[in-house]
Amino acid sequence: MGIKNAFSTRKSLQVTPPVDIVKELNDDEMKQLQECFLEIIKDIDEVCQRNNICYMAAGGTALGAIRHKGFIPWDDDVDILMPREDLKRFVQIFDNELGEKYEMTSPNSKYQLESMISAIYKKNTLKASFYMYNAPFPKGIHIDIFPIDAVPMNKVMRLWKGFSAMCIQYVAVSAIFYKFRNKEKKDFFYQSTDGKINYRIRCIIGFLSSFLNYEKWGNWFDRYVQWNKESNLWAVPTDMGHYFGHIMPKDVYYPPVRAQFEDIEINIPHNYDEYLKNQYNDYMTIPKEADREKHYSVGFSIDLEKDTAEGKNIY
């Protein structure tokens, strides 16, 4: 473990052993989860196609489409991308198109702000993030939506915009972290030196920034990263690479192309080879089990009402 893990909550989560509160999915539950994901993907694809809204699979979902023609066998999350203006239109039509079956979180909207990205949760399901399980947000199986933003063509302006955006983002995430800290999270991070340092850094910055509500920090970051001037460079400032991680020519992302994914076709970035190389380098090589990304969650249920009524242990 290196010092970088002490400043990155994501890295700290990956290298720290899980605690008892975390639910590990068995093979049958993983199959149920991916079937639920596929249902959500189909609904989003249908709505976006009908309303001429651009979306594309991101990260491991795009990789799964190319390498596996569907889900990566161990993948327990789904991410999609939307250009900023398309995401704004998707948020506007969400209630009418998908509100009966799903609920949403999204910054700078009528919905709750859970993070700097948007998310679609299937109602009557459970798969709560360990990071946010004690917060007053939806707890269902969900898909994350990352906005794609234009970035300045001028290198100096781009460096300044990116650096300042990352500073605001770190404060915003720390504000949320501090707001919803609890003993279980502290115990988890305190299992390692890097985790302990990260927890303390987040809490200190979160405390110092608590003169503003965490939602104001998150909404400010979401507005700040937007760039409304003409640009041939696009990026995903909220992805794991932050502002600078995925800056690529617009035509790497757009227009999306269709690719096989399980029994349907979905949108993926236009130049998926360039996109996946940027994200994973040698993306066709299966990573070792120890290097596969993990997402800690609390509880699991495909049908919450039924499982609760039957007295099943969903935690």
Protein backbone atom coordinates (compact mmCIF):
# COMPACT_ATOMS: atom_id res chain seq x y z
CA MET A 1 0.00 0.00 0.00
CA GLY A 2 1.30 3.43 -0.92
CA ILE A 3 0.68 6.94 0.35
CA LYS A 4 -1.78 7.52 -2.55
CA ASN A 5 -4.22 5.19 -0.79
CA ALA A 6 -4.26 7.53 2.19
CA PHE A 7 -5.69 10.36 0.09
CA SER A 8 -8.00 8.28 -2.10
CA THR A 9 -11.10 6.89 -0.41
CA ARG A 10 -11.67 4.63 -3.42
CA LYS A 11 -8.18 3.11 -3.06
CA SER A 12 -8.64 2.72 0.68
CA LEU A 13 -11.92 0.87 0.12
CA GLN A 14 -10.24 -1.51 -2.33
CA VAL A 15 -7.32 -2.50 -0.13
CA THR A 16 -9.13 -2.73 3.24
CA PRO A 17 -10.70 -6.05 4.30
CA PRO A 18 -14.53 -6.01 4.48
CA VAL A 19 -16.32 -5.90 7.83
CA ASP A 20 -19.20 -8.08 9.04
CA ILE A 21 -21.89 -5.64 7.91
CA VAL A 22 -20.90 -6.17 4.26
CA LYS A 23 -22.95 -8.61 2.18
CA GLU A 24 -21.01 -10.86 -0.23
CA LEU A 25 -23.17 -12.10 -3.10
CA ASN A 26 -23.19 -15.80 -3.92
CA ASP A 27 -23.39 -17.07 -7.51
CA ASP A 28 -27.19 -17.21 -7.53
CA GLU A 29 -27.50 -13.69 -6.13
CA MET A 30 -24.99 -12.39 -8.69
CA LYS A 31 -27.10 -13.89 -11.46
CA GLN A 32 -30.23 -12.24 -10.04
CA LEU A 33 -28.38 -8.92 -9.74
CA GLN A 34 -27.20 -8.96 -13.35
CA GLU A 35 -30.69 -9.93 -14.57
CA CYS A 36 -32.03 -6.89 -12.69
CA PHE A 37 -29.32 -4.69 -14.20
CA LEU A 38 -30.25 -5.93 -17.66
CA GLU A 39 -33.89 -5.00 -17.04
CA ILE A 40 -32.85 -1.47 -16.03
CA ILE A 41 -30.55 -1.13 -19.05
CA LYS A 42 -33.36 -2.19 -21.39
CA ASP A 43 -35.74 0.37 -19.88
CA ILE A 44 -33.18 3.19 -20.10
CA ASP A 45 -32.23 2.24 -23.67
CA GLU A 46 -35.87 2.20 -24.76
CA VAL A 47 -36.61 5.59 -23.20
CA CYS A 48 -33.45 7.18 -24.61
CA GLN A 49 -34.11 5.80 -28.11
CA ARG A 50 -37.69 7.06 -28.08
CA ASN A 51 -36.72 10.52 -26.83
CA ASN A 52 -33.56 10.90 -28.94
CA ILE A 53 -31.34 11.09 -25.84
CA CYS A 54 -27.71 10.05 -26.19
CA TYR A 55 -26.29 7.57 -23.71
CA MET A 56 -23.47 5.04 -23.85
CA ALA A 57 -22.16 2.27 -21.63
CA ALA A 58 -19.15 3.24 -19.52
CA GLY A 59 -16.25 1.47 -17.86
CA GLY A 60 -16.77 -2.20 -17.13
CA THR A 61 -20.16 -2.20 -18.86
CA ALA A 62 -18.58 -1.08 -22.15
CA LEU A 63 -15.71 -3.50 -21.57
CA GLY A 64 -18.18 -6.33 -20.95
CA ALA A 65 -19.92 -5.60 -24.25
CA ILE A 66 -16.64 -5.91 -26.18
CA ARG A 67 -14.83 -8.65 -24.25
CA HIS A 68 -17.75 -10.79 -23.05
CA LYS A 69 -20.69 -9.71 -25.24
CA GLY A 70 -22.46 -9.02 -21.97
CA PHE A 71 -21.66 -8.74 -18.28
CA ILE A 72 -18.17 -9.30 -16.97
CA PRO A 73 -18.88 -12.43 -14.85
CA TRP A 74 -17.85 -10.83 -11.55
CA ASP A 75 -19.16 -7.32 -12.29
CA ASP A 76 -21.61 -6.08 -9.67
CA ASP A 77 -22.32 -2.58 -11.00
CA VAL A 78 -23.35 -0.83 -14.22
CA ASP A 79 -22.27 2.63 -15.35
CA ILE A 80 -23.44 4.70 -18.30
CA LEU A 81 -22.40 8.06 -19.76
CA MET A 82 -24.55 10.90 -21.03
CA PRO A 83 -23.41 14.16 -22.61
CA ARG A 84 -24.38 16.98 -20.28
CA GLU A 85 -27.33 18.34 -22.29
CA ASP A 86 -28.73 14.85 -22.83
CA LEU A 87 -28.52 14.15 -19.10
CA LYS A 88 -30.43 17.36 -18.37
CA ARG A 89 -33.22 16.25 -20.71
CA PHE A 90 -33.21 12.75 -19.21
CA VAL A 91 -33.68 14.22 -15.72
CA GLN A 92 -36.61 16.32 -17.00
CA ILE A 93 -38.48 13.35 -18.49
CA PHE A 94 -37.58 10.82 -15.79
CA ASP A 95 -40.78 11.04 -13.73
CA ASN A 96 -43.09 10.65 -16.71
CA GLU A 97 -41.08 7.90 -18.38
CA LEU A 98 -39.61 5.87 -15.53
CA GLY A 99 -40.91 7.28 -12.24
CA GLU A 100 -43.41 4.49 -11.60
CA LYS A 101 -40.75 1.81 -11.53
CA TYR A 102 -37.61 3.70 -10.50
CA GLU A 103 -36.37 6.56 -8.33
CA MET A 104 -33.52 8.95 -9.00
CA THR A 105 -30.79 10.99 -7.33
CA SER A 106 -29.13 13.82 -9.24
CA PRO A 107 -27.31 17.10 -8.47
CA ASN A 108 -28.89 20.46 -9.32
CA SER A 109 -32.36 18.99 -9.75
CA LYS A 110 -35.55 18.38 -7.81
CA TYR A 111 -34.09 15.02 -6.74
CA GLN A 112 -31.79 14.38 -3.80
CA LEU A 113 -28.06 14.86 -4.21
CA GLU A 114 -26.29 11.68 -3.14
CA SER A 115 -23.03 12.30 -4.97
CA MET A 116 -21.74 14.29 -7.94
CA ILE A 117 -23.32 11.78 -10.35
CA SER A 118 -26.89 10.74 -11.07
CA ALA A 119 -28.29 7.30 -10.31
CA ILE A 120 -31.39 5.29 -11.21
CA TYR A 121 -32.69 2.94 -8.48
CA LYS A 122 -35.18 0.15 -9.01
CA LYS A 123 -37.92 0.35 -6.40
CA ASN A 124 -38.59 -2.60 -4.07
CA THR A 125 -34.98 -3.83 -4.26
CA LEU A 126 -32.03 -3.59 -1.89
CA LYS A 127 -28.32 -3.26 -2.50
CA ALA A 128 -27.11 -0.41 -0.33
CA SER A 129 -23.62 1.01 -0.76
CA PHE A 130 -21.46 0.49 2.33
CA TYR A 131 -20.24 4.03 1.80
CA MET A 132 -23.79 5.47 2.08
CA TYR A 133 -25.97 2.78 3.66
CA ASN A 134 -26.80 4.96 6.68
CA ALA A 135 -27.73 8.03 4.59
CA PRO A 136 -31.34 9.01 3.69
CA PHE A 137 -31.01 8.04 0.02
CA PRO A 138 -32.55 5.24 -2.05
CA LYS A 139 -31.07 1.84 -1.21
CA GLY A 140 -32.10 -0.19 -4.24
CA ILE A 141 -30.18 -1.84 -7.07
CA HIS A 142 -29.06 1.02 -9.26
CA ILE A 143 -27.20 2.23 -12.33
CA ASP A 144 -24.89 5.25 -12.15
CA ILE A 145 -25.01 7.95 -14.84
CA PHE A 146 -21.84 9.99 -15.38
CA PRO A 147 -22.12 13.30 -17.25
CA ILE A 148 -19.72 13.93 -20.13
CA ASP A 149 -18.55 17.55 -20.17
CA ALA A 150 -16.65 19.58 -22.72
CA VAL A 151 -13.29 20.86 -21.46
CA PRO A 152 -11.29 23.95 -22.53
CA MET A 153 -9.16 23.59 -25.64
CA ASN A 154 -6.57 25.99 -24.21
CA LYS A 155 -4.06 23.93 -22.20
CA VAL A 156 -3.44 26.52 -19.47
CA MET A 157 -7.15 27.13 -18.98
CA ARG A 158 -7.77 23.36 -19.00
CA LEU A 159 -5.12 22.80 -16.31
CA TRP A 160 -6.58 25.53 -14.11
CA LYS A 161 -10.15 24.35 -14.64
CA GLY A 162 -9.22 20.74 -13.90
CA PHE A 163 -7.11 21.45 -10.81
CA SER A 164 -9.69 23.77 -9.26
CA ALA A 165 -12.50 21.33 -10.09
CA MET A 166 -10.66 18.49 -8.36
CA CYS A 167 -10.19 20.65 -5.25
CA ILE A 168 -13.91 21.47 -5.11
CA GLN A 169 -14.75 17.82 -5.71
CA TYR A 170 -12.50 16.66 -2.86
CA VAL A 171 -14.18 19.12 -0.49
CA ALA A 172 -17.67 18.11 -1.70
CA VAL A 173 -16.99 14.39 -1.23
CA SER A 174 -15.46 15.10 2.19
CA ALA A 175 -18.54 17.10 3.19
CA ILE A 176 -20.77 14.12 2.34
CA PHE A 177 -18.35 11.72 4.06
CA TYR A 178 -18.35 13.80 7.25
CA LYS A 179 -22.12 14.26 7.25
CA PHE A 180 -22.79 10.51 7.14
CA ARG A 181 -19.85 9.19 9.14
CA ASN A 182 -20.57 6.53 11.76
CA LYS A 183 -18.80 3.99 13.97
CA GLU A 184 -19.00 1.15 11.40
CA LYS A 185 -17.28 3.25 8.74
CA LYS A 186 -14.65 4.41 11.19
CA ASP A 187 -13.93 0.84 12.27
CA PHE A 188 -13.66 -0.20 8.62
CA PHE A 189 -11.15 2.48 7.65
CA TYR A 190 -9.17 2.07 10.87
CA GLN A 191 -8.17 -1.47 9.87
CA SER A 192 -5.22 -0.04 7.93
CA THR A 193 -2.86 2.91 8.32
CA ASP A 194 -3.83 4.29 4.91
CA GLY A 195 -7.51 3.92 5.71
CA LYS A 196 -7.10 5.62 9.09
CA ILE A 197 -5.30 8.58 7.48
CA ASN A 198 -7.94 8.83 4.75
CA TYR A 199 -10.78 8.77 7.29
CA ARG A 200 -9.16 11.54 9.32
CA ILE A 201 -8.42 13.69 6.26
CA ARG A 202 -11.99 13.36 5.03
CA CYS A 203 -13.44 14.19 8.44
CA ILE A 204 -11.17 17.20 8.97
CA ILE A 205 -11.95 18.68 5.55
CA GLY A 206 -15.62 17.78 5.96
CA PHE A 207 -15.74 19.53 9.34
CA LEU A 208 -13.96 22.64 8.03
CA SER A 209 -16.36 22.82 5.07
CA SER A 210 -19.51 22.18 7.12
CA PHE A 211 -20.36 25.89 7.19
CA LEU A 212 -22.10 24.98 3.91
CA ASN A 213 -24.51 22.08 3.50
CA TYR A 214 -22.99 19.13 1.64
CA GLU A 215 -25.63 19.55 -1.07
CA LYS A 216 -24.38 23.07 -1.81
CA TRP A 217 -20.83 21.77 -2.26
CA GLY A 218 -22.01 18.99 -4.56
CA ASN A 219 -24.23 21.25 -6.63
CA TRP A 220 -21.44 23.82 -6.92
CA PHE A 221 -19.02 21.21 -8.25
CA ASP A 222 -21.62 19.95 -10.72
CA ARG A 223 -22.12 23.48 -12.08
CA TYR A 224 -18.42 24.32 -12.03
CA VAL A 225 -17.26 21.45 -14.27
CA GLN A 226 -19.70 22.37 -17.02
CA TRP A 227 -18.14 24.11 -20.02
CA ASN A 228 -20.54 25.71 -22.47
CA LYS A 229 -18.02 26.95 -25.04
CA GLU A 230 -17.20 25.09 -28.25
CA SER A 231 -14.67 22.30 -27.69
CA ASN A 232 -13.48 19.17 -29.43
CA LEU A 233 -12.32 17.69 -26.13
CA TRP A 234 -14.68 15.81 -23.82
CA ALA A 235 -14.12 14.37 -20.36
CA VAL A 236 -15.89 12.59 -17.49
CA PRO A 237 -14.91 14.69 -14.43
CA THR A 238 -16.79 12.48 -11.95
CA ASP A 239 -15.28 9.17 -13.05
CA MET A 240 -12.48 7.49 -11.09
CA GLY A 241 -9.84 9.37 -13.12
CA HIS A 242 -11.42 12.67 -12.05
CA TYR A 243 -11.17 15.68 -14.36
CA PHE A 244 -8.01 14.66 -16.21
CA GLY A 245 -8.54 10.90 -16.33
CA HIS A 246 -10.59 10.62 -19.51
CA ILE A 247 -9.95 13.74 -21.58
CA MET A 248 -10.24 12.57 -25.17
CA PRO A 249 -11.37 13.96 -28.53
CA LYS A 250 -15.12 14.29 -28.82
CA ASP A 251 -15.22 11.71 -31.62
CA VAL A 252 -13.89 9.03 -29.26
CA TYR A 253 -17.22 9.30 -27.42
CA TYR A 254 -19.66 10.56 -30.03
CA PRO A 255 -21.70 9.45 -31.88
CA PRO A 256 -22.16 6.16 -30.00
CA VAL A 257 -22.29 2.82 -31.81
CA ARG A 258 -24.38 -0.23 -31.01
CA ALA A 259 -22.84 -3.39 -29.53
CA GLN A 260 -24.15 -6.76 -28.40
CA PHE A 261 -24.83 -7.01 -24.67
CA GLU A 262 -26.43 -10.25 -23.51
CA ASP A 263 -29.68 -10.54 -25.53
CA ILE A 264 -29.89 -6.89 -26.59
CA GLU A 265 -27.83 -4.17 -28.25
CA ILE A 266 -26.72 -1.10 -26.31
CA ASN A 267 -24.79 2.10 -27.05
CA ILE A 268 -21.04 2.22 -26.42
CA PRO A 269 -18.50 5.00 -27.17
CA HIS A 270 -17.85 5.58 -30.87
CA ASN A 271 -14.14 4.69 -30.77
CA TYR A 272 -14.47 2.04 -28.08
CA ASP A 273 -10.93 0.77 -28.65
CA GLU A 274 -9.44 4.18 -27.79
CA TYR A 275 -11.85 4.62 -24.89
CA LEU A 276 -11.11 1.22 -23.36
CA LYS A 277 -7.35 1.57 -23.82
CA ASN A 278 -7.53 4.86 -21.94
CA GLN A 279 -9.43 3.16 -19.13
CA TYR A 280 -7.78 -0.26 -18.93
CA ASN A 281 -4.72 -0.34 -21.26
CA ASP A 282 -4.66 -4.01 -22.38
CA TYR A 283 -8.39 -4.38 -21.92
CA MET A 284 -8.79 -7.82 -23.55
CA THR A 285 -6.61 -9.47 -20.89
CA ILE A 286 -8.56 -10.94 -17.97
CA PRO A 287 -7.21 -9.40 -14.73
CA LYS A 288 -6.08 -11.50 -11.80
CA GLU A 289 -8.73 -12.01 -9.15
CA ALA A 290 -6.85 -9.80 -6.68
CA ASP A 291 -6.93 -6.91 -9.18
CA ARG A 292 -10.65 -7.02 -9.87
CA GLU A 293 -12.66 -4.06 -8.63
CA LYS A 294 -14.80 -4.63 -5.53
CA HIS A 295 -17.93 -2.77 -4.43
CA TYR A 296 -18.87 -3.27 -0.80
CA SER A 297 -22.61 -3.29 -0.16
CA VAL A 298 -24.97 -3.81 2.74
CA GLY A 299 -27.95 -6.13 2.21
CA PHE A 300 -29.41 -7.63 -0.94
CA SER A 301 -32.92 -8.30 -2.21
CA ILE A 302 -34.51 -8.50 -5.65
CA ASP A 303 -38.03 -8.34 -4.14
CA LEU A 304 -37.87 -6.47 -0.84
CA GLU A 305 -41.58 -6.73 0.06
CA LYS A 306 -41.66 -10.48 -0.55
CA ASP A 307 -38.40 -11.22 1.25
CA THR A 308 -39.42 -9.07 4.23
CA ALA A 309 -42.83 -10.75 4.45
CA GLU A 310 -41.19 -14.18 4.36
CA GLY A 311 -38.72 -13.21 7.05
CA LYS A 312 -35.65 -13.78 4.87
CA ASN A 313 -32.31 -12.50 6.07
CA ILE A 314 -31.54 -9.75 3.55
CA TYR A 315 -28.60 -8.37 5.53
